[in-house]
PDB file of all heavy atoms in Angstrom:
ATOM      1  N   THR A   1      25.475 204.536 122.991  1.00  0.00           N
ATOM      2  CA  THR A   1      24.143 204.880 123.468  1.00  0.00           C
ATOM      3  C   THR A   1      23.115 204.260 122.543  1.00  0.00           C
ATOM      4  O   THR A   1      23.274 204.317 121.325  1.00  0.00           O
ATOM      5  CB  THR A   1      23.963 206.412 123.483  1.00  0.00           C
ATOM      6  OG1 THR A   1      24.998 206.979 124.269  1.00  0.00           O
ATOM      7  CG2 THR A   1      22.612 206.800 124.030  1.00  0.00           C
ATOM      8  N   PRO A   2      22.079 203.649 123.100  1.00  0.00           N
ATOM      9  CA  PRO A   2      21.062 203.061 122.224  1.00  0.00           C
ATOM     10  C   PRO A   2      20.533 204.095 121.239  1.00  0.00           C
ATOM     11  O   PRO A   2      20.301 205.239 121.588  1.00  0.00           O
ATOM     12  CB  PRO A   2      19.963 202.627 123.204  1.00  0.00           C
ATOM     13  CG  PRO A   2      20.647 202.478 124.510  1.00  0.00           C
ATOM     14  CD  PRO A   2      21.767 203.484 124.501  1.00  0.00           C
ATOM     15  N   SER A   3      20.367 203.672 120.009  1.00  0.00           N
ATOM     16  CA  SER A   3      19.885 204.563 118.964  1.00  0.00           C
ATOM     17  C   SER A   3      18.477 204.137 118.571  1.00  0.00           C
ATOM     18  O   SER A   3      18.004 203.094 118.987  1.00  0.00           O
ATOM     19  CB  SER A   3      20.818 204.480 117.757  1.00  0.00           C
ATOM     20  OG  SER A   3      20.637 203.241 117.112  1.00  0.00           O
ATOM     21  N   PRO A   4      17.810 204.930 117.746  1.00  0.00           N
ATOM     22  CA  PRO A   4      16.480 204.537 117.311  1.00  0.00           C
ATOM     23  C   PRO A   4      16.482 203.333 116.367  1.00  0.00           C
ATOM     24  O   PRO A   4      15.435 202.786 116.083  1.00  0.00           O
ATOM     25  CB  PRO A   4      15.934 205.775 116.604  1.00  0.00           C
ATOM     26  CG  PRO A   4      17.033 206.740 116.491  1.00  0.00           C
ATOM     27  CD  PRO A   4      18.170 206.260 117.321  1.00  0.00           C
ATOM     28  N   ARG A   5      17.659 202.942 115.877  1.00  0.00           N
ATOM     29  CA  ARG A   5      17.721 201.745 115.032  1.00  0.00           C
ATOM     30  C   ARG A   5      17.187 200.557 115.809  1.00  0.00           C
ATOM     31  O   ARG A   5      17.354 200.468 117.004  1.00  0.00           O
ATOM     32  CB  ARG A   5      19.167 201.434 114.654  1.00  0.00           C
ATOM     33  CG  ARG A   5      19.768 202.360 113.649  1.00  0.00           C
ATOM     34  CD  ARG A   5      21.177 201.942 113.372  1.00  0.00           C
ATOM     35  NE  ARG A   5      21.213 200.493 113.226  1.00  0.00           N
ATOM     36  CZ  ARG A   5      21.946 199.841 112.358  1.00  0.00           C
ATOM     37  NH1 ARG A   5      22.757 200.480 111.590  1.00  0.00           N
ATOM     38  NH2 ARG A   5      21.897 198.546 112.261  1.00  0.00           N
ATOM     39  N   LEU A   6      16.597 199.642 115.095  1.00  0.00           N
ATOM     40  CA  LEU A   6      16.113 198.460 115.796  1.00  0.00           C
ATOM     41  C   LEU A   6      17.163 197.363 115.771  1.00  0.00           C
ATOM     42  O   LEU A   6      17.981 197.282 114.863  1.00  0.00           O
ATOM     43  CB  LEU A   6      14.781 197.981 115.222  1.00  0.00           C
ATOM     44  CG  LEU A   6      14.724 197.386 113.818  1.00  0.00           C
ATOM     45  CD1 LEU A   6      15.116 195.915 113.807  1.00  0.00           C
ATOM     46  CD2 LEU A   6      13.325 197.523 113.287  1.00  0.00           C
ATOM     47  N   LEU A   7      17.141 196.571 116.805  1.00  0.00           N
ATOM     48  CA  LEU A   7      17.987 195.388 116.928  1.00  0.00           C
ATOM     49  C   LEU A   7      17.044 194.230 117.186  1.00  0.00           C
ATOM     50  O   LEU A   7      16.303 194.240 118.179  1.00  0.00           O
ATOM     51  CB  LEU A   7      18.977 195.562 118.078  1.00  0.00           C
ATOM     52  CG  LEU A   7      19.858 194.369 118.423  1.00  0.00           C
ATOM     53  CD1 LEU A   7      20.768 194.023 117.247  1.00  0.00           C
ATOM     54  CD2 LEU A   7      20.673 194.671 119.664  1.00  0.00           C
ATOM     55  N   ALA A   8      17.010 193.271 116.274  1.00  0.00           N
ATOM     56  CA  ALA A   8      16.086 192.149 116.393  1.00  0.00           C
ATOM     57  C   ALA A   8      16.867 190.847 116.350  1.00  0.00           C
ATOM     58  O   ALA A   8      17.908 190.761 115.705  1.00  0.00           O
ATOM     59  CB  ALA A   8      15.070 192.189 115.253  1.00  0.00           C
ATOM     60  N   TRP A   9      16.348 189.851 117.039  1.00  0.00           N
ATOM     61  CA  TRP A   9      16.989 188.549 116.992  1.00  0.00           C
ATOM     62  C   TRP A   9      15.995 187.452 117.299  1.00  0.00           C
ATOM     63  O   TRP A   9      14.924 187.677 117.836  1.00  0.00           O
ATOM     64  CB  TRP A   9      18.206 188.472 117.912  1.00  0.00           C
ATOM     65  CG  TRP A   9      17.973 188.670 119.377  1.00  0.00           C
ATOM     66  CD1 TRP A   9      17.817 187.690 120.323  1.00  0.00           C
ATOM     67  CD2 TRP A   9      17.918 189.908 120.081  1.00  0.00           C
ATOM     68  NE1 TRP A   9      17.663 188.248 121.555  1.00  0.00           N
ATOM     69  CE2 TRP A   9      17.717 189.615 121.438  1.00  0.00           C
ATOM     70  CE3 TRP A   9      18.007 191.240 119.699  1.00  0.00           C
ATOM     71  CZ2 TRP A   9      17.609 190.589 122.412  1.00  0.00           C
ATOM     72  CZ3 TRP A   9      17.896 192.217 120.668  1.00  0.00           C
ATOM     73  CH2 TRP A   9      17.705 191.889 122.004  1.00  0.00           C
ATOM     74  N   GLU A  10      16.407 186.242 116.918  1.00  0.00           N
ATOM     75  CA  GLU A  10      15.663 185.014 117.188  1.00  0.00           C
ATOM     76  C   GLU A  10      16.693 183.927 117.397  1.00  0.00           C
ATOM     77  O   GLU A  10      17.701 183.856 116.701  1.00  0.00           O
ATOM     78  CB  GLU A  10      14.769 184.677 115.986  1.00  0.00           C
ATOM     79  CG  GLU A  10      13.876 183.464 116.177  1.00  0.00           C
ATOM     80  CD  GLU A  10      14.544 182.126 115.895  1.00  0.00           C
ATOM     81  OE1 GLU A  10      15.583 182.092 115.200  1.00  0.00           O
ATOM     82  OE2 GLU A  10      14.038 181.102 116.370  1.00  0.00           O
ATOM     83  N   HIS A  11      16.487 183.113 118.412  1.00  0.00           N
ATOM     84  CA  HIS A  11      17.379 181.984 118.679  1.00  0.00           C
ATOM     85  C   HIS A  11      16.562 180.894 119.358  1.00  0.00           C
ATOM     86  O   HIS A  11      15.973 181.124 120.418  1.00  0.00           O
ATOM     87  CB  HIS A  11      18.554 182.411 119.562  1.00  0.00           C
ATOM     88  CG  HIS A  11      19.508 181.306 119.857  1.00  0.00           C
ATOM     89  ND1 HIS A  11      20.303 180.748 118.877  1.00  0.00           N
ATOM     90  CD2 HIS A  11      19.783 180.656 120.989  1.00  0.00           C
ATOM     91  CE1 HIS A  11      21.047 179.793 119.418  1.00  0.00           C
ATOM     92  NE2 HIS A  11      20.737 179.719 120.695  1.00  0.00           N
ATOM     93  N   GLU A  12      16.514 179.733 118.714  1.00  0.00           N
ATOM     94  CA  GLU A  12      15.796 178.583 119.248  1.00  0.00           C
ATOM     95  C   GLU A  12      14.363 178.955 119.653  1.00  0.00           C
ATOM     96  O   GLU A  12      13.896 178.619 120.731  1.00  0.00           O
ATOM     97  CB  GLU A  12      16.567 177.966 120.416  1.00  0.00           C
ATOM     98  CG  GLU A  12      17.914 177.413 119.982  1.00  0.00           C
ATOM     99  CD  GLU A  12      18.708 176.789 121.122  1.00  0.00           C
ATOM    100  OE1 GLU A  12      18.335 176.975 122.309  1.00  0.00           O
ATOM    101  OE2 GLU A  12      19.702 176.121 120.820  1.00  0.00           O
ATOM    102  N   ASP A  13      13.683 179.677 118.766  1.00  0.00           N
ATOM    103  CA  ASP A  13      12.300 180.127 118.931  1.00  0.00           C
ATOM    104  C   ASP A  13      12.109 181.222 119.965  1.00  0.00           C
ATOM    105  O   ASP A  13      10.990 181.678 120.184  1.00  0.00           O
ATOM    106  CB  ASP A  13      11.351 178.959 119.233  1.00  0.00           C
ATOM    107  CG  ASP A  13      11.109 178.088 118.019  1.00  0.00           C
ATOM    108  OD1 ASP A  13      11.136 178.634 116.894  1.00  0.00           O
ATOM    109  OD2 ASP A  13      10.895 176.883 118.179  1.00  0.00           O
ATOM    110  N   ASN A  14      13.163 181.657 120.631  1.00  0.00           N
ATOM    111  CA  ASN A  14      13.068 182.827 121.497  1.00  0.00           C
ATOM    112  C   ASN A  14      13.308 184.034 120.608  1.00  0.00           C
ATOM    113  O   ASN A  14      14.091 183.984 119.674  1.00  0.00           O
ATOM    114  CB  ASN A  14      14.118 182.750 122.609  1.00  0.00           C
ATOM    115  CG  ASN A  14      13.935 181.511 123.449  1.00  0.00           C
ATOM    116  OD1 ASN A  14      12.890 181.305 124.049  1.00  0.00           O
ATOM    117  ND2 ASN A  14      14.937 180.662 123.471  1.00  0.00           N
ATOM    118  N   ARG A  15      12.611 185.128 120.897  1.00  0.00           N
ATOM    119  CA  ARG A  15      12.707 186.268 120.003  1.00  0.00           C
ATOM    120  C   ARG A  15      12.678 187.569 120.798  1.00  0.00           C
ATOM    121  O   ARG A  15      12.140 187.605 121.906  1.00  0.00           O
ATOM    122  CB  ARG A  15      11.587 186.229 118.979  1.00  0.00           C
ATOM    123  CG  ARG A  15      10.204 186.218 119.574  1.00  0.00           C
ATOM    124  CD  ARG A  15       9.183 185.647 118.584  1.00  0.00           C
ATOM    125  NE  ARG A  15       7.823 185.918 119.007  1.00  0.00           N
ATOM    126  CZ  ARG A  15       7.149 185.224 119.919  1.00  0.00           C
ATOM    127  NH1 ARG A  15       7.730 184.215 120.526  1.00  0.00           N
ATOM    128  NH2 ARG A  15       5.916 185.537 120.238  1.00  0.00           N
ATOM    129  N   ALA A  16      13.258 188.595 120.188  1.00  0.00           N
ATOM    130  CA  ALA A  16      13.296 189.898 120.857  1.00  0.00           C
ATOM    131  C   ALA A  16      13.525 190.995 119.836  1.00  0.00           C
ATOM    132  O   ALA A  16      14.024 190.752 118.736  1.00  0.00           O
ATOM    133  CB  ALA A  16      14.395 189.923 121.913  1.00  0.00           C
ATOM    134  N   LEU A  17      13.168 192.198 120.245  1.00  0.00           N
ATOM    135  CA  LEU A  17      13.406 193.382 119.440  1.00  0.00           C
ATOM    136  C   LEU A  17      13.656 194.536 120.396  1.00  0.00           C
ATOM    137  O   LEU A  17      12.963 194.670 121.401  1.00  0.00           O
ATOM    138  CB  LEU A  17      12.194 193.700 118.559  1.00  0.00           C
ATOM    139  CG  LEU A  17      12.328 194.991 117.757  1.00  0.00           C
ATOM    140  CD1 LEU A  17      12.309 194.696 116.274  1.00  0.00           C
ATOM    141  CD2 LEU A  17      11.234 195.958 118.117  1.00  0.00           C
ATOM    142  N   ARG A  18      14.669 195.315 120.083  1.00  0.00           N
ATOM    143  CA  ARG A  18      14.966 196.499 120.881  1.00  0.00           C
ATOM    144  C   ARG A  18      14.982 197.710 119.962  1.00  0.00           C
ATOM    145  O   ARG A  18      15.603 197.696 118.902  1.00  0.00           O
ATOM    146  CB  ARG A  18      16.308 196.355 121.586  1.00  0.00           C
ATOM    147  CG  ARG A  18      16.620 197.594 122.413  1.00  0.00           C
ATOM    148  CD  ARG A  18      17.808 197.428 123.286  1.00  0.00           C
ATOM    149  NE  ARG A  18      18.072 198.699 123.958  1.00  0.00           N
ATOM    150  CZ  ARG A  18      18.990 198.885 124.851  1.00  0.00           C
ATOM    151  NH1 ARG A  18      19.768 197.891 125.206  1.00  0.00           N
ATOM    152  NH2 ARG A  18      19.160 200.063 125.398  1.00  0.00           N
ATOM    153  N   VAL A  19      14.299 198.768 120.396  1.00  0.00           N
ATOM    154  CA  VAL A  19      14.314 200.059 119.711  1.00  0.00           C
ATOM    155  C   VAL A  19      14.542 201.098 120.798  1.00  0.00           C
ATOM    156  O   VAL A  19      13.689 201.280 121.672  1.00  0.00           O
ATOM    157  CB  VAL A  19      12.998 200.342 118.960  1.00  0.00           C
ATOM    158  CG1 VAL A  19      13.059 201.706 118.289  1.00  0.00           C
ATOM    159  CG2 VAL A  19      12.701 199.257 117.939  1.00  0.00           C
ATOM    160  N   GLY A  20      15.700 201.748 120.765  1.00  0.00           N
ATOM    161  CA  GLY A  20      16.030 202.707 121.815  1.00  0.00           C
ATOM    162  C   GLY A  20      16.048 202.020 123.163  1.00  0.00           C
ATOM    163  O   GLY A  20      16.683 200.988 123.329  1.00  0.00           O
ATOM    164  N   ASP A  21      15.308 202.560 124.110  1.00  0.00           N
ATOM    165  CA  ASP A  21      15.267 201.990 125.457  1.00  0.00           C
ATOM    166  C   ASP A  21      14.182 200.929 125.627  1.00  0.00           C
ATOM    167  O   ASP A  21      14.047 200.356 126.696  1.00  0.00           O
ATOM    168  CB  ASP A  21      15.040 203.098 126.492  1.00  0.00           C
ATOM    169  CG  ASP A  21      16.260 203.977 126.669  1.00  0.00           C
ATOM    170  OD1 ASP A  21      17.393 203.468 126.556  1.00  0.00           O
ATOM    171  OD2 ASP A  21      16.082 205.182 126.921  1.00  0.00           O
ATOM    172  N   TRP A  22      13.391 200.685 124.587  1.00  0.00           N
ATOM    173  CA  TRP A  22      12.289 199.734 124.689  1.00  0.00           C
ATOM    174  C   TRP A  22      12.674 198.389 124.113  1.00  0.00           C
ATOM    175  O   TRP A  22      13.315 198.307 123.064  1.00  0.00           O
ATOM    176  CB  TRP A  22      11.060 200.277 123.977  1.00  0.00           C
ATOM    177  CG  TRP A  22      10.481 201.453 124.688  1.00  0.00           C
ATOM    178  CD1 TRP A  22      10.722 202.772 124.413  1.00  0.00           C
ATOM    179  CD2 TRP A  22       9.610 201.422 125.811  1.00  0.00           C
ATOM    180  NE1 TRP A  22      10.039 203.565 125.293  1.00  0.00           N
ATOM    181  CE2 TRP A  22       9.345 202.756 126.169  1.00  0.00           C
ATOM    182  CE3 TRP A  22       9.025 200.399 126.553  1.00  0.00           C
ATOM    183  CZ2 TRP A  22       8.515 203.084 127.227  1.00  0.00           C
ATOM    184  CZ3 TRP A  22       8.194 200.728 127.603  1.00  0.00           C
ATOM    185  CH2 TRP A  22       7.953 202.059 127.937  1.00  0.00           C
ATOM    186  N   LYS A  23      12.245 197.326 124.785  1.00  0.00           N
ATOM    187  CA  LYS A  23      12.566 195.967 124.349  1.00  0.00           C
ATOM    188  C   LYS A  23      11.349 195.071 124.548  1.00  0.00           C
ATOM    189  O   LYS A  23      10.711 195.105 125.605  1.00  0.00           O
ATOM    190  CB  LYS A  23      13.734 195.418 125.174  1.00  0.00           C
ATOM    191  CG  LYS A  23      14.126 193.998 124.823  1.00  0.00           C
ATOM    192  CD  LYS A  23      15.294 193.548 125.703  1.00  0.00           C
ATOM    193  CE  LYS A  23      15.678 192.114 125.444  1.00  0.00           C
ATOM    194  NZ  LYS A  23      16.694 191.661 126.398  1.00  0.00           N
ATOM    195  N   ILE A  24      11.034 194.293 123.497  1.00  0.00           N
ATOM    196  CA  ILE A  24      10.058 193.215 123.648  1.00  0.00           C
ATOM    197  C   ILE A  24      10.817 191.906 123.554  1.00  0.00           C
ATOM    198  O   ILE A  24      11.816 191.792 122.834  1.00  0.00           O
ATOM    199  CB  ILE A  24       8.903 193.273 122.613  1.00  0.00           C
ATOM    200  CG1 ILE A  24       9.430 193.225 121.172  1.00  0.00           C
ATOM    201  CG2 ILE A  24       7.992 194.448 122.861  1.00  0.00           C
ATOM    202  CD1 ILE A  24       8.330 193.070 120.129  1.00  0.00           C
ATOM    203  N   VAL A  25      10.355 190.924 124.289  1.00  0.00           N
ATOM    204  CA  VAL A  25      11.018 189.629 124.326  1.00  0.00           C
ATOM    205  C   VAL A  25       9.974 188.549 124.580  1.00  0.00           C
ATOM    206  O   VAL A  25       8.978 188.789 125.277  1.00  0.00           O
ATOM    207  CB  VAL A  25      12.134 189.606 125.415  1.00  0.00           C
ATOM    208  CG1 VAL A  25      11.562 189.849 126.790  1.00  0.00           C
ATOM    209  CG2 VAL A  25      12.934 188.329 125.378  1.00  0.00           C
ATOM    210  N   ALA A  26      10.172 187.388 123.970  1.00  0.00           N
ATOM    211  CA  ALA A  26       9.273 186.259 124.192  1.00  0.00           C
ATOM    212  C   ALA A  26      10.110 184.991 124.270  1.00  0.00           C
ATOM    213  O   ALA A  26      10.962 184.749 123.421  1.00  0.00           O
ATOM    214  CB  ALA A  26       8.241 186.160 123.079  1.00  0.00           C
ATOM    215  N   ALA A  27       9.861 184.197 125.292  1.00  0.00           N
ATOM    216  CA  ALA A  27      10.596 182.946 125.504  1.00  0.00           C
ATOM    217  C   ALA A  27       9.805 181.799 124.891  1.00  0.00           C
ATOM    218  O   ALA A  27       8.961 181.195 125.539  1.00  0.00           O
ATOM    219  CB  ALA A  27      10.827 182.713 126.999  1.00  0.00           C
ATOM    220  N   GLY A  28      10.063 181.530 123.620  1.00  0.00           N
ATOM    221  CA  GLY A  28       9.367 180.470 122.916  1.00  0.00           C
ATOM    222  C   GLY A  28       8.464 181.025 121.834  1.00  0.00           C
ATOM    223  O   GLY A  28       7.952 182.138 121.949  1.00  0.00           O
ATOM    224  N   LYS A  29       8.262 180.241 120.770  1.00  0.00           N
ATOM    225  CA  LYS A  29       7.540 180.763 119.610  1.00  0.00           C
ATOM    226  C   LYS A  29       6.077 181.071 119.896  1.00  0.00           C
ATOM    227  O   LYS A  29       5.489 181.909 119.230  1.00  0.00           O
ATOM    228  CB  LYS A  29       7.675 179.821 118.419  1.00  0.00           C
ATOM    229  CG  LYS A  29       6.935 178.521 118.519  1.00  0.00           C
ATOM    230  CD  LYS A  29       7.136 177.705 117.257  1.00  0.00           C
ATOM    231  CE  LYS A  29       6.398 176.388 117.326  1.00  0.00           C
ATOM    232  NZ  LYS A  29       6.551 175.639 116.104  1.00  0.00           N
ATOM    233  N   ASP A  30       5.472 180.438 120.873  1.00  0.00           N
ATOM    234  CA  ASP A  30       4.066 180.715 121.188  1.00  0.00           C
ATOM    235  C   ASP A  30       3.908 181.562 122.446  1.00  0.00           C
ATOM    236  O   ASP A  30       2.782 181.828 122.872  1.00  0.00           O
ATOM    237  CB  ASP A  30       3.302 179.394 121.353  1.00  0.00           C
ATOM    238  CG  ASP A  30       3.268 178.601 120.057  1.00  0.00           C
ATOM    239  OD1 ASP A  30       3.165 179.229 118.977  1.00  0.00           O
ATOM    240  OD2 ASP A  30       3.365 177.362 120.115  1.00  0.00           O
ATOM    241  N   ALA A  31       5.002 181.977 123.032  1.00  0.00           N
ATOM    242  CA  ALA A  31       4.939 182.776 124.258  1.00  0.00           C
ATOM    243  C   ALA A  31       4.488 184.194 123.937  1.00  0.00           C
ATOM    244  O   ALA A  31       4.780 184.721 122.865  1.00  0.00           O
ATOM    245  CB  ALA A  31       6.307 182.804 124.936  1.00  0.00           C
ATOM    246  N   PRO A  32       3.779 184.818 124.857  1.00  0.00           N
ATOM    247  CA  PRO A  32       3.372 186.208 124.632  1.00  0.00           C
ATOM    248  C   PRO A  32       4.572 187.143 124.738  1.00  0.00           C
ATOM    249  O   PRO A  32       5.568 186.834 125.407  1.00  0.00           O
ATOM    250  CB  PRO A  32       2.381 186.471 125.763  1.00  0.00           C
ATOM    251  CG  PRO A  32       2.782 185.527 126.846  1.00  0.00           C
ATOM    252  CD  PRO A  32       3.318 184.308 126.143  1.00  0.00           C
TER     253      PRO A  32
END
């Protein structure tokens, strides 16, 4: 089950972070 711990990653300038059920993601280093 997703926990409050964060999971973050970056690959080829794509980036994301997940905390619990919430996730932010951006496709490219300048993408919103």
